[in-house]
């Protein structure tokens, strides 16, 4: 993690409305994915909903749904990452490891299925 001073004056825009894409993963891997776009909410509310909705039987990850200057949709991962992907660098590995904070029995079952 890198931490450095920031300047709150160097941004030219901000957006309050956000759409969070919540992914739920179930099965023994590769995981079956269920996806929901959650709007008219704060991040903390979306996180609480994802945790409650996942229960003990599913993993979840959350991304900010964003558009580039051409209108193409993309994702900014906030919690976890695509559970069906393989991490390629250290940040992706750390995001993937965030799935470890979810129910261990489900995660271990999915990892064993991939080995």
PDB file of N, CA and C in Angstrom:
ATOM      1  N   UNK A   1       0.852  -1.161   0.000  1.00  0.00           N
ATOM      2  CA  UNK A   1       0.000   0.000   0.000  1.00  0.00           C
ATOM      3  C   UNK A   1       0.902   1.229   0.000  1.00  0.00           C
ATOM      4  N   UNK A   2       0.567   2.178  -0.843  1.00  0.00           N
ATOM      5  CA  UNK A   2       1.288   3.448  -0.901  1.00  0.00           C
ATOM      6  C   UNK A   2       0.359   4.535  -0.376  1.00  0.00           C
ATOM      7  N   UNK A   3       0.843   5.331   0.554  1.00  0.00           N
ATOM      8  CA  UNK A   3       0.077   6.445   1.099  1.00  0.00           C
ATOM      9  C   UNK A   3       0.912   7.703   0.943  1.00  0.00           C
ATOM     10  N   UNK A   4       0.316   8.719   0.331  1.00  0.00           N
ATOM     11  CA  UNK A   4       1.019   9.988   0.154  1.00  0.00           C
ATOM     12  C   UNK A   4       0.013  11.118   0.310  1.00  0.00           C
ATOM     13  N   UNK A   5       0.483  12.308   0.638  1.00  0.00           N
ATOM     14  CA  UNK A   5      -0.449  13.430   0.789  1.00  0.00           C
ATOM     15  C   UNK A   5      -1.207  13.687  -0.514  1.00  0.00           C
ATOM     16  N   UNK A   6      -2.456  14.074  -0.385  1.00  0.00           N
ATOM     17  CA  UNK A   6      -3.275  14.413  -1.541  1.00  0.00           C
ATOM     18  C   UNK A   6      -3.670  15.882  -1.467  1.00  0.00           C
ATOM     19  N   UNK A   7      -4.087  16.440  -2.594  1.00  0.00           N
ATOM     20  CA  UNK A   7      -4.531  17.830  -2.657  1.00  0.00           C
ATOM     21  C   UNK A   7      -5.992  17.837  -3.081  1.00  0.00           C
ATOM     22  N   UNK A   8      -6.871  18.179  -2.157  1.00  0.00           N
ATOM     23  CA  UNK A   8      -8.305  18.179  -2.456  1.00  0.00           C
ATOM     24  C   UNK A   8      -8.686  19.196  -3.521  1.00  0.00           C
ATOM     25  N   UNK A   9      -7.789  20.068  -3.907  1.00  0.00           N
ATOM     26  CA  UNK A   9      -8.078  21.093  -4.911  1.00  0.00           C
ATOM     27  C   UNK A   9      -7.730  20.665  -6.340  1.00  0.00           C
ATOM     28  N   UNK A  10      -7.158  19.475  -6.520  1.00  0.00           N
ATOM     29  CA  UNK A  10      -6.691  19.114  -7.862  1.00  0.00           C
ATOM     30  C   UNK A  10      -7.717  18.346  -8.692  1.00  0.00           C
ATOM     31  N   UNK A  11      -8.937  18.205  -8.214  1.00  0.00           N
ATOM     32  CA  UNK A  11      -9.973  17.546  -8.998  1.00  0.00           C
ATOM     33  C   UNK A  11     -10.896  18.584  -9.611  1.00  0.00           C
ATOM     34  N   UNK A  12     -11.388  18.269 -10.803  1.00  0.00           N
ATOM     35  CA  UNK A  12     -12.248  19.230 -11.505  1.00  0.00           C
ATOM     36  C   UNK A  12     -13.713  18.823 -11.517  1.00  0.00           C
ATOM     37  N   UNK A  13     -14.034  17.610 -11.044  1.00  0.00           N
ATOM     38  CA  UNK A  13     -15.431  17.174 -11.012  1.00  0.00           C
ATOM     39  C   UNK A  13     -15.599  16.108  -9.947  1.00  0.00           C
ATOM     40  N   UNK A  14     -16.818  15.896  -9.561  1.00  0.00           N
ATOM     41  CA  UNK A  14     -17.160  14.786  -8.677  1.00  0.00           C
ATOM     42  C   UNK A  14     -18.569  14.331  -9.003  1.00  0.00           C
ATOM     43  N   UNK A  15     -18.866  13.116  -8.615  1.00  0.00           N
ATOM     44  CA  UNK A  15     -20.174  12.536  -8.897  1.00  0.00           C
ATOM     45  C   UNK A  15     -20.686  11.887  -7.616  1.00  0.00           C
ATOM     46  N   UNK A  16     -21.917  12.180  -7.275  1.00  0.00           N
ATOM     47  CA  UNK A  16     -22.520  11.599  -6.079  1.00  0.00           C
ATOM     48  C   UNK A  16     -23.251  10.310  -6.420  1.00  0.00           C
ATOM     49  N   UNK A  17     -23.944  10.283  -7.552  1.00  0.00           N
ATOM     50  CA  UNK A  17     -24.693   9.093  -7.952  1.00  0.00           C
ATOM     51  C   UNK A  17     -23.719   8.020  -8.427  1.00  0.00           C
ATOM     52  N   UNK A  18     -23.887   6.833  -7.889  1.00  0.00           N
ATOM     53  CA  UNK A  18     -23.027   5.720  -8.285  1.00  0.00           C
ATOM     54  C   UNK A  18     -23.881   4.497  -8.541  1.00  0.00           C
ATOM     55  N   UNK A  19     -23.370   3.636  -9.415  1.00  0.00           N
ATOM     56  CA  UNK A  19     -23.971   2.334  -9.634  1.00  0.00           C
ATOM     57  C   UNK A  19     -22.907   1.307  -9.260  1.00  0.00           C
ATOM     58  N   UNK A  20     -23.261   0.436  -8.328  1.00  0.00           N
ATOM     59  CA  UNK A  20     -22.357  -0.616  -7.894  1.00  0.00           C
ATOM     60  C   UNK A  20     -22.814  -1.925  -8.523  1.00  0.00           C
ATOM     61  N   UNK A  21     -21.883  -2.639  -9.116  1.00  0.00           N
ATOM     62  CA  UNK A  21     -22.193  -3.942  -9.676  1.00  0.00           C
ATOM     63  C   UNK A  21     -21.753  -4.982  -8.650  1.00  0.00           C
ATOM     64  N   UNK A  22     -22.728  -5.753  -8.160  1.00  0.00           N
ATOM     65  CA  UNK A  22     -22.469  -6.764  -7.140  1.00  0.00           C
ATOM     66  C   UNK A  22     -22.544  -8.140  -7.807  1.00  0.00           C
ATOM     67  N   UNK A  23     -21.510  -8.911  -7.602  1.00  0.00           N
ATOM     68  CA  UNK A  23     -21.410 -10.255  -8.156  1.00  0.00           C
ATOM     69  C   UNK A  23     -21.515 -11.254  -7.020  1.00  0.00           C
ATOM     70  N   UNK A  24     -22.371 -12.257  -7.182  1.00  0.00           N
ATOM     71  CA  UNK A  24     -22.456 -13.363  -6.239  1.00  0.00           C
ATOM     72  C   UNK A  24     -21.969 -14.610  -6.951  1.00  0.00           C
ATOM     73  N   UNK A  25     -21.158 -15.414  -6.257  1.00  0.00           N
ATOM     74  CA  UNK A  25     -20.573 -16.616  -6.835  1.00  0.00           C
ATOM     75  C   UNK A  25     -21.031 -17.831  -6.035  1.00  0.00           C
ATOM     76  N   UNK A  26     -21.488 -18.854  -6.728  1.00  0.00           N
ATOM     77  CA  UNK A  26     -21.901 -20.088  -6.064  1.00  0.00           C
ATOM     78  C   UNK A  26     -21.446 -21.283  -6.879  1.00  0.00           C
ATOM     79  N   UNK A  27     -21.445 -22.441  -6.256  1.00  0.00           N
ATOM     80  CA  UNK A  27     -21.011 -23.658  -6.930  1.00  0.00           C
ATOM     81  C   UNK A  27     -19.638 -24.073  -6.471  1.00  0.00           C
ATOM     82  N   UNK A  28     -19.070 -25.034  -7.190  1.00  0.00           N
ATOM     83  CA  UNK A  28     -17.782 -25.592  -6.805  1.00  0.00           C
ATOM     84  C   UNK A  28     -16.630 -25.136  -7.686  1.00  0.00           C
ATOM     85  N   UNK A  29     -16.810 -24.162  -8.514  1.00  0.00           N
ATOM     86  CA  UNK A  29     -15.742 -23.639  -9.348  1.00  0.00           C
ATOM     87  C   UNK A  29     -15.519 -24.490 -10.582  1.00  0.00           C
ATOM     88  N   UNK A  30     -15.525 -23.899 -11.783  1.00  0.00           N
ATOM     89  CA  UNK A  30     -15.757 -22.456 -11.882  1.00  0.00           C
ATOM     90  C   UNK A  30     -17.137 -22.091 -11.324  1.00  0.00           C
ATOM     91  N   UNK A  31     -17.176 -20.936 -10.698  1.00  0.00           N
ATOM     92  CA  UNK A  31     -18.392 -20.518 -10.012  1.00  0.00           C
ATOM     93  C   UNK A  31     -19.472 -20.056 -10.980  1.00  0.00           C
ATOM     94  N   UNK A  32     -20.722 -20.287 -10.601  1.00  0.00           N
ATOM     95  CA  UNK A  32     -21.863 -19.692 -11.281  1.00  0.00           C
ATOM     96  C   UNK A  32     -21.974 -18.273 -10.755  1.00  0.00           C
ATOM     97  N   UNK A  33     -22.199 -17.318 -11.633  1.00  0.00           N
ATOM     98  CA  UNK A  33     -22.226 -15.913 -11.242  1.00  0.00           C
ATOM     99  C   UNK A  33     -23.616 -15.331 -11.412  1.00  0.00           C
ATOM    100  N   UNK A  34     -24.048 -14.601 -10.398  1.00  0.00           N
ATOM    101  CA  UNK A  34     -25.298 -13.837 -10.431  1.00  0.00           C
ATOM    102  C   UNK A  34     -24.912 -12.376 -10.224  1.00  0.00           C
ATOM    103  N   UNK A  35     -25.396 -11.489 -11.076  1.00  0.00           N
ATOM    104  CA  UNK A  35     -24.954 -10.091 -11.058  1.00  0.00           C
ATOM    105  C   UNK A  35     -26.133  -9.153 -10.865  1.00  0.00           C
ATOM    106  N   UNK A  36     -25.922  -8.126 -10.034  1.00  0.00           N
ATOM    107  CA  UNK A  36     -26.947  -7.111  -9.789  1.00  0.00           C
ATOM    108  C   UNK A  36     -26.316  -5.735  -9.873  1.00  0.00           C
ATOM    109  N   UNK A  37     -27.000  -4.786 -10.513  1.00  0.00           N
ATOM    110  CA  UNK A  37     -26.600  -3.384 -10.491  1.00  0.00           C
ATOM    111  C   UNK A  37     -27.403  -2.696  -9.401  1.00  0.00           C
ATOM    112  N   UNK A  38     -26.707  -2.087  -8.451  1.00  0.00           N
ATOM    113  CA  UNK A  38     -27.332  -1.477  -7.282  1.00  0.00           C
ATOM    114  C   UNK A  38     -27.104   0.029  -7.362  1.00  0.00           C
ATOM    115  N   UNK A  39     -28.201   0.792  -7.376  1.00  0.00           N
ATOM    116  CA  UNK A  39     -28.093   2.254  -7.491  1.00  0.00           C
ATOM    117  C   UNK A  39     -28.950   2.924  -6.424  1.00  0.00           C
ATOM    118  N   UNK A  40     -28.906   4.234  -6.395  1.00  0.00           N
ATOM    119  CA  UNK A  40     -29.643   5.029  -5.419  1.00  0.00           C
ATOM    120  C   UNK A  40     -29.272   4.582  -4.005  1.00  0.00           C
ATOM    121  N   UNK A  41     -27.975   4.424  -3.778  1.00  0.00           N
ATOM    122  CA  UNK A  41     -27.470   3.909  -2.506  1.00  0.00           C
ATOM    123  C   UNK A  41     -26.066   4.426  -2.261  1.00  0.00           C
ATOM    124  N   UNK A  42     -25.607   4.271  -1.043  1.00  0.00           N
ATOM    125  CA  UNK A  42     -24.209   4.558  -0.726  1.00  0.00           C
ATOM    126  C   UNK A  42     -23.418   3.258  -0.840  1.00  0.00           C
ATOM    127  N   UNK A  43     -22.100   3.383  -0.846  1.00  0.00           N
ATOM    128  CA  UNK A  43     -21.274   2.179  -0.896  1.00  0.00           C
ATOM    129  C   UNK A  43     -21.508   1.308   0.334  1.00  0.00           C
ATOM    130  N   UNK A  44     -21.586   1.912   1.515  1.00  0.00           N
ATOM    131  CA  UNK A  44     -21.767   1.137   2.736  1.00  0.00           C
ATOM    132  C   UNK A  44     -23.099   0.386   2.721  1.00  0.00           C
ATOM    133  N   UNK A  45     -24.145   0.991   2.174  1.00  0.00           N
ATOM    134  CA  UNK A  45     -25.432   0.310   2.059  1.00  0.00           C
ATOM    135  C   UNK A  45     -25.344  -0.856   1.070  1.00  0.00           C
ATOM    136  N   UNK A  46     -24.647  -0.631  -0.041  1.00  0.00           N
ATOM    137  CA  UNK A  46     -24.474  -1.710  -1.029  1.00  0.00           C
ATOM    138  C   UNK A  46     -23.664  -2.860  -0.435  1.00  0.00           C
ATOM    139  N   UNK A  47     -22.635  -2.535   0.335  1.00  0.00           N
ATOM    140  CA  UNK A  47     -21.825  -3.563   0.983  1.00  0.00           C
ATOM    141  C   UNK A  47     -22.661  -4.364   1.979  1.00  0.00           C
ATOM    142  N   UNK A  48     -23.459  -3.680   2.796  1.00  0.00           N
ATOM    143  CA  UNK A  48     -24.306  -4.380   3.766  1.00  0.00           C
ATOM    144  C   UNK A  48     -25.303  -5.284   3.055  1.00  0.00           C
ATOM    145  N   UNK A  49     -25.891  -4.799   1.955  1.00  0.00           N
ATOM    146  CA  UNK A  49     -26.839  -5.619   1.194  1.00  0.00           C
ATOM    147  C   UNK A  49     -26.145  -6.852   0.619  1.00  0.00           C
ATOM    148  N   UNK A  50     -24.934  -6.661   0.074  1.00  0.00           N
ATOM    149  CA  UNK A  50     -24.199  -7.787  -0.518  1.00  0.00           C
ATOM    150  C   UNK A  50     -23.866  -8.827   0.543  1.00  0.00           C
ATOM    151  N   UNK A  51     -23.393  -8.389   1.711  1.00  0.00           N
ATOM    152  CA  UNK A  51     -23.055  -9.326   2.776  1.00  0.00           C
ATOM    153  C   UNK A  51     -24.287 -10.114   3.221  1.00  0.00           C
ATOM    154  N   UNK A  52     -25.391  -9.415   3.403  1.00  0.00           N
ATOM    155  CA  UNK A  52     -26.622 -10.076   3.842  1.00  0.00           C
ATOM    156  C   UNK A  52     -27.146 -11.030   2.767  1.00  0.00           C
ATOM    157  N   UNK A  53     -27.131 -10.594   1.518  1.00  0.00           N
ATOM    158  CA  UNK A  53     -27.672 -11.399   0.421  1.00  0.00           C
ATOM    159  C   UNK A  53     -26.802 -12.611   0.115  1.00  0.00           C
ATOM    160  N   UNK A  54     -25.501 -12.493   0.326  1.00  0.00           N
ATOM    161  CA  UNK A  54     -24.598 -13.618   0.056  1.00  0.00           C
ATOM    162  C   UNK A  54     -24.826 -14.748   1.046  1.00  0.00           C
ATOM    163  N   UNK A  55     -25.154 -14.390   2.271  1.00  0.00           N
ATOM    164  CA  UNK A  55     -25.337 -15.418   3.283  1.00  0.00           C
ATOM    165  C   UNK A  55     -24.072 -16.230   3.484  1.00  0.00           C
ATOM    166  N   UNK A  56     -24.227 -17.473   3.888  1.00  0.00           N
ATOM    167  CA  UNK A  56     -23.075 -18.345   4.140  1.00  0.00           C
ATOM    168  C   UNK A  56     -22.744 -19.225   2.949  1.00  0.00           C
ATOM    169  N   UNK A  57     -23.561 -19.174   1.911  1.00  0.00           N
ATOM    170  CA  UNK A  57     -23.386 -20.101   0.797  1.00  0.00           C
ATOM    171  C   UNK A  57     -22.768 -19.493  -0.454  1.00  0.00           C
ATOM    172  N   UNK A  58     -22.576 -18.171  -0.455  1.00  0.00           N
ATOM    173  CA  UNK A  58     -22.044 -17.536  -1.669  1.00  0.00           C
ATOM    174  C   UNK A  58     -20.926 -16.559  -1.325  1.00  0.00           C
ATOM    175  N   UNK A  59     -20.014 -16.390  -2.256  1.00  0.00           N
ATOM    176  CA  UNK A  59     -19.019 -15.323  -2.211  1.00  0.00           C
ATOM    177  C   UNK A  59     -19.601 -14.114  -2.911  1.00  0.00           C
ATOM    178  N   UNK A  60     -19.023 -12.931  -2.671  1.00  0.00           N
ATOM    179  CA  UNK A  60     -19.457 -11.749  -3.411  1.00  0.00           C
ATOM    180  C   UNK A  60     -18.270 -10.830  -3.669  1.00  0.00           C
ATOM    181  N   UNK A  61     -18.408 -10.009  -4.679  1.00  0.00           N
ATOM    182  CA  UNK A  61     -17.473  -8.919  -4.932  1.00  0.00           C
ATOM    183  C   UNK A  61     -18.290  -7.724  -5.406  1.00  0.00           C
ATOM    184  N   UNK A  62     -17.700  -6.536  -5.256  1.00  0.00           N
ATOM    185  CA  UNK A  62     -18.389  -5.302  -5.621  1.00  0.00           C
ATOM    186  C   UNK A  62     -17.451  -4.441  -6.464  1.00  0.00           C
ATOM    187  N   UNK A  63     -18.007  -3.904  -7.545  1.00  0.00           N
ATOM    188  CA  UNK A  63     -17.251  -2.984  -8.394  1.00  0.00           C
ATOM    189  C   UNK A  63     -18.079  -1.725  -8.634  1.00  0.00           C
ATOM    190  N   UNK A  64     -17.406  -0.627  -8.830  1.00  0.00           N
ATOM    191  CA  UNK A  64     -18.059   0.602  -9.260  1.00  0.00           C
ATOM    192  C   UNK A  64     -18.224   0.499 -10.763  1.00  0.00           C
ATOM    193  N   UNK A  65     -19.445   0.631 -11.252  1.00  0.00           N
ATOM    194  CA  UNK A  65     -19.704   0.599 -12.683  1.00  0.00           C
ATOM    195  C   UNK A  65     -19.445   2.000 -13.217  1.00  0.00           C
ATOM    196  N   UNK A  66     -18.541   2.125 -14.159  1.00  0.00           N
ATOM    197  CA  UNK A  66     -18.148   3.437 -14.671  1.00  0.00           C
ATOM    198  C   UNK A  66     -18.163   3.424 -16.194  1.00  0.00           C
ATOM    199  N   UNK A  67     -18.154   4.608 -16.779  1.00  0.00           N
ATOM    200  CA  UNK A  67     -18.063   4.754 -18.238  1.00  0.00           C
ATOM    201  C   UNK A  67     -16.848   5.599 -18.573  1.00  0.00           C
ATOM    202  N   UNK A  68     -16.164   5.224 -19.659  1.00  0.00           N
ATOM    203  CA  UNK A  68     -15.054   6.045 -20.109  1.00  0.00           C
ATOM    204  C   UNK A  68     -15.581   7.190 -20.972  1.00  0.00           C
ATOM    205  N   UNK A  69     -14.689   7.984 -21.513  1.00  0.00           N
ATOM    206  CA  UNK A  69     -15.105   9.159 -22.283  1.00  0.00           C
ATOM    207  C   UNK A  69     -15.856   8.804 -23.563  1.00  0.00           C
ATOM    208  N   UNK A  70     -15.809   7.524 -23.980  1.00  0.00           N
ATOM    209  CA  UNK A  70     -16.536   7.080 -25.168  1.00  0.00           C
ATOM    210  C   UNK A  70     -17.862   6.408 -24.815  1.00  0.00           C
ATOM    211  N   UNK A  71     -18.165   6.323 -23.527  1.00  0.00           N
ATOM    212  CA  UNK A  71     -19.403   5.703 -23.101  1.00  0.00           C
ATOM    213  C   UNK A  71     -19.328   4.200 -22.895  1.00  0.00           C
ATOM    214  N   UNK A  72     -18.130   3.621 -23.027  1.00  0.00           N
ATOM    215  CA  UNK A  72     -17.964   2.187 -22.813  1.00  0.00           C
ATOM    216  C   UNK A  72     -17.950   1.903 -21.312  1.00  0.00           C
ATOM    217  N   UNK A  73     -18.692   0.882 -20.894  1.00  0.00           N
ATOM    218  CA  UNK A  73     -18.756   0.527 -19.479  1.00  0.00           C
ATOM    219  C   UNK A  73     -17.510  -0.225 -19.049  1.00  0.00           C
ATOM    220  N   UNK A  74     -17.128  -0.001 -17.810  1.00  0.00           N
ATOM    221  CA  UNK A  74     -15.998  -0.701 -17.207  1.00  0.00           C
ATOM    222  C   UNK A  74     -16.205  -0.827 -15.716  1.00  0.00           C
ATOM    223  N   UNK A  75     -15.322  -1.547 -15.050  1.00  0.00           N
ATOM    224  CA  UNK A  75     -15.440  -1.796 -13.621  1.00  0.00           C
ATOM    225  C   UNK A  75     -14.218  -1.298 -12.880  1.00  0.00           C
ATOM    226  N   UNK A  76     -14.454  -0.738 -11.694  1.00  0.00           N
ATOM    227  CA  UNK A  76     -13.401  -0.404 -10.743  1.00  0.00           C
ATOM    228  C   UNK A  76     -13.682  -1.260  -9.518  1.00  0.00           C
ATOM    229  N   UNK A  77     -12.832  -2.249  -9.262  1.00  0.00           N
ATOM    230  CA  UNK A  77     -13.081  -3.192  -8.176  1.00  0.00           C
ATOM    231  C   UNK A  77     -12.914  -2.513  -6.837  1.00  0.00           C
ATOM    232  N   UNK A  78     -13.885  -2.697  -5.948  1.00  0.00           N
ATOM    233  CA  UNK A  78     -13.863  -2.108  -4.615  1.00  0.00           C
ATOM    234  C   UNK A  78     -13.714  -3.152  -3.517  1.00  0.00           C
ATOM    235  N   UNK A  79     -14.382  -4.286  -3.677  1.00  0.00           N
ATOM    236  CA  UNK A  79     -14.292  -5.402  -2.733  1.00  0.00           C
ATOM    237  C   UNK A  79     -14.120  -6.666  -3.560  1.00  0.00           C
ATOM    238  N   UNK A  80     -13.027  -7.372  -3.326  1.00  0.00           N
ATOM    239  CA  UNK A  80     -12.795  -8.600  -4.066  1.00  0.00           C
ATOM    240  C   UNK A  80     -12.553  -8.341  -5.543  1.00  0.00           C
ATOM    241  N   UNK A  81     -12.707  -9.381  -6.323  1.00  0.00           N
ATOM    242  CA  UNK A  81     -12.479  -9.352  -7.766  1.00  0.00           C
ATOM    243  C   UNK A  81     -13.258 -10.532  -8.349  1.00  0.00           C
ATOM    244  N   UNK A  82     -13.274 -10.685  -9.640  1.00  0.00           N
ATOM    245  CA  UNK A  82     -13.980 -11.804 -10.263  1.00  0.00           C
ATOM    246  C   UNK A  82     -13.416 -13.119  -9.720  1.00  0.00           C
ATOM    247  N   UNK A  83     -14.235 -13.870  -9.004  1.00  0.00           N
ATOM    248  CA  UNK A  83     -13.777 -15.116  -8.381  1.00  0.00           C
ATOM    249  C   UNK A  83     -13.400 -16.170  -9.400  1.00  0.00           C
ATOM    250  N   UNK A  84     -13.811 -16.016 -10.647  1.00  0.00           N
ATOM    251  CA  UNK A  84     -13.466 -16.972 -11.695  1.00  0.00           C
ATOM    252  C   UNK A  84     -12.190 -16.593 -12.439  1.00  0.00           C
ATOM    253  N   UNK A  85     -11.596 -15.466 -12.087  1.00  0.00           N
ATOM    254  CA  UNK A  85     -10.377 -15.043 -12.780  1.00  0.00           C
ATOM    255  C   UNK A  85      -9.147 -15.467 -11.992  1.00  0.00           C
ATOM    256  N   UNK A  86      -8.021 -15.435 -12.649  1.00  0.00           N
ATOM    257  CA  UNK A  86      -6.735 -15.691 -11.995  1.00  0.00           C
ATOM    258  C   UNK A  86      -6.020 -14.357 -11.847  1.00  0.00           C
ATOM    259  N   UNK A  87      -5.567 -14.028 -10.641  1.00  0.00           N
ATOM    260  CA  UNK A  87      -4.895 -12.743 -10.447  1.00  0.00           C
ATOM    261  C   UNK A  87      -3.584 -12.675 -11.221  1.00  0.00           C
ATOM    262  N   UNK A  88      -3.308 -11.487 -11.786  1.00  0.00           N
ATOM    263  CA  UNK A  88      -2.119 -11.306 -12.627  1.00  0.00           C
ATOM    264  C   UNK A  88      -1.035 -10.473 -11.970  1.00  0.00           C
ATOM    265  N   UNK A  89      -1.376  -9.661 -10.981  1.00  0.00           N
ATOM    266  CA  UNK A  89      -0.363  -8.839 -10.329  1.00  0.00           C
ATOM    267  C   UNK A  89      -0.672  -8.754  -8.838  1.00  0.00           C
ATOM    268  N   UNK A  90       0.149  -8.022  -8.107  1.00  0.00           N
ATOM    269  CA  UNK A  90       0.016  -8.024  -6.648  1.00  0.00           C
ATOM    270  C   UNK A  90      -1.290  -7.385  -6.184  1.00  0.00           C
ATOM    271  N   UNK A  91      -1.757  -6.345  -6.835  1.00  0.00           N
ATOM    272  CA  UNK A  91      -3.017  -5.731  -6.421  1.00  0.00           C
ATOM    273  C   UNK A  91      -4.172  -6.682  -6.693  1.00  0.00           C
ATOM    274  N   UNK A  92      -4.171  -7.333  -7.850  1.00  0.00           N
ATOM    275  CA  UNK A  92      -5.222  -8.306  -8.152  1.00  0.00           C
ATOM    276  C   UNK A  92      -5.191  -9.458  -7.152  1.00  0.00           C
ATOM    277  N   UNK A  93      -3.997  -9.895  -6.745  1.00  0.00           N
ATOM    278  CA  UNK A  93      -3.911 -10.962  -5.747  1.00  0.00           C
ATOM    279  C   UNK A  93      -4.513 -10.523  -4.420  1.00  0.00           C
ATOM    280  N   UNK A  94      -4.254  -9.280  -4.024  1.00  0.00           N
ATOM    281  CA  UNK A  94      -4.811  -8.787  -2.765  1.00  0.00           C
ATOM    282  C   UNK A  94      -6.327  -8.675  -2.859  1.00  0.00           C
ATOM    283  N   UNK A  95      -6.844  -8.225  -3.999  1.00  0.00           N
ATOM    284  CA  UNK A  95      -8.295  -8.174  -4.178  1.00  0.00           C
ATOM    285  C   UNK A  95      -8.885  -9.585  -4.127  1.00  0.00           C
ATOM    286  N   UNK A  96      -8.221 -10.518  -4.776  1.00  0.00           N
ATOM    287  CA  UNK A  96      -8.684 -11.907  -4.759  1.00  0.00           C
ATOM    288  C   UNK A  96      -8.674 -12.447  -3.330  1.00  0.00           C
ATOM    289  N   UNK A  97      -7.635 -12.093  -2.569  1.00  0.00           N
ATOM    290  CA  UNK A  97      -7.536 -12.566  -1.191  1.00  0.00           C
ATOM    291  C   UNK A  97      -8.606 -11.956  -0.289  1.00  0.00           C
ATOM    292  N   UNK A  98      -9.207 -10.833  -0.691  1.00  0.00           N
ATOM    293  CA  UNK A  98     -10.298 -10.273   0.094  1.00  0.00           C
ATOM    294  C   UNK A  98     -11.478 -11.233   0.160  1.00  0.00           C
ATOM    295  N   UNK A  99     -11.554 -12.132  -0.791  1.00  0.00           N
ATOM    296  CA  UNK A  99     -12.608 -13.145  -0.729  1.00  0.00           C
ATOM    297  C   UNK A  99     -12.432 -14.018   0.512  1.00  0.00           C
ATOM    298  N   UNK A 100     -11.194 -14.054   1.063  1.00  0.00           N
ATOM    299  CA  UNK A 100     -10.919 -14.861   2.257  1.00  0.00           C
ATOM    300  C   UNK A 100     -11.671 -14.373   3.487  1.00  0.00           C
ATOM    301  N   UNK A 101     -12.132 -13.144   3.475  1.00  0.00           N
ATOM    302  CA  UNK A 101     -12.853 -12.656   4.661  1.00  0.00           C
ATOM    303  C   UNK A 101     -14.284 -13.177   4.689  1.00  0.00           C
ATOM    304  N   UNK A 102     -14.673 -13.877   3.663  1.00  0.00           N
ATOM    305  CA  UNK A 102     -16.012 -14.453   3.577  1.00  0.00           C
ATOM    306  C   UNK A 102     -15.976 -15.882   4.110  1.00  0.00           C
ATOM    307  N   UNK A 103     -17.114 -16.534   4.257  1.00  0.00           N
ATOM    308  CA  UNK A 103     -17.170 -17.847   4.920  1.00  0.00           C
ATOM    309  C   UNK A 103     -16.130 -18.833   4.400  1.00  0.00           C
ATOM    310  N   UNK A 104     -15.281 -19.311   5.294  1.00  0.00           N
ATOM    311  CA  UNK A 104     -14.154 -20.166   4.916  1.00  0.00           C
ATOM    312  C   UNK A 104     -14.587 -21.469   4.252  1.00  0.00           C
ATOM    313  N   UNK A 105     -15.637 -22.081   4.729  1.00  0.00           N
ATOM    314  CA  UNK A 105     -16.021 -23.379   4.170  1.00  0.00           C
ATOM    315  C   UNK A 105     -16.366 -23.256   2.695  1.00  0.00           C
ATOM    316  N   UNK A 106     -17.025 -22.188   2.307  1.00  0.00           N
ATOM    317  CA  UNK A 106     -17.399 -22.003   0.915  1.00  0.00           C
ATOM    318  C   UNK A 106     -16.171 -21.731   0.056  1.00  0.00           C
ATOM    319  N   UNK A 107     -15.286 -20.881   0.546  1.00  0.00           N
ATOM    320  CA  UNK A 107     -14.080 -20.539  -0.217  1.00  0.00           C
ATOM    321  C   UNK A 107     -13.206 -21.773  -0.416  1.00  0.00           C
ATOM    322  N   UNK A 108     -12.969 -22.526   0.648  1.00  0.00           N
ATOM    323  CA  UNK A 108     -12.115 -23.700   0.545  1.00  0.00           C
ATOM    324  C   UNK A 108     -12.702 -24.725  -0.422  1.00  0.00           C
ATOM    325  N   UNK A 109     -14.005 -24.907  -0.401  1.00  0.00           N
ATOM    326  CA  UNK A 109     -14.644 -25.842  -1.326  1.00  0.00           C
ATOM    327  C   UNK A 109     -14.391 -25.408  -2.763  1.00  0.00           C
ATOM    328  N   UNK A 110     -14.519 -24.121  -3.055  1.00  0.00           N
ATOM    329  CA  UNK A 110     -14.287 -23.627  -4.401  1.00  0.00           C
ATOM    330  C   UNK A 110     -12.838 -23.736  -4.833  1.00  0.00           C
ATOM    331  N   UNK A 111     -11.919 -23.470  -3.907  1.00  0.00           N
ATOM    332  CA  UNK A 111     -10.494 -23.564  -4.246  1.00  0.00           C
ATOM    333  C   UNK A 111     -10.089 -25.004  -4.496  1.00  0.00           C
ATOM    334  N   UNK A 112     -10.598 -25.926  -3.690  1.00  0.00           N
ATOM    335  CA  UNK A 112     -10.268 -27.341  -3.909  1.00  0.00           C
ATOM    336  C   UNK A 112     -10.760 -27.806  -5.266  1.00  0.00           C
ATOM    337  N   UNK A 113     -11.900 -27.299  -5.687  1.00  0.00           N
ATOM    338  CA  UNK A 113     -12.461 -27.711  -6.979  1.00  0.00           C
ATOM    339  C   UNK A 113     -11.594 -27.227  -8.126  1.00  0.00           C
ATOM    340  N   UNK A 114     -10.884 -26.108  -7.950  1.00  0.00           N
ATOM    341  CA  UNK A 114     -10.031 -25.573  -9.014  1.00  0.00           C
ATOM    342  C   UNK A 114      -8.690 -26.267  -9.094  1.00  0.00           C
ATOM    343  N   UNK A 115      -8.281 -26.942  -8.036  1.00  0.00           N
ATOM    344  CA  UNK A 115      -6.948 -27.562  -8.024  1.00  0.00           C
ATOM    345  C   UNK A 115      -6.940 -28.868  -8.759  1.00  0.00           C
TER     346      UNK A 115
END
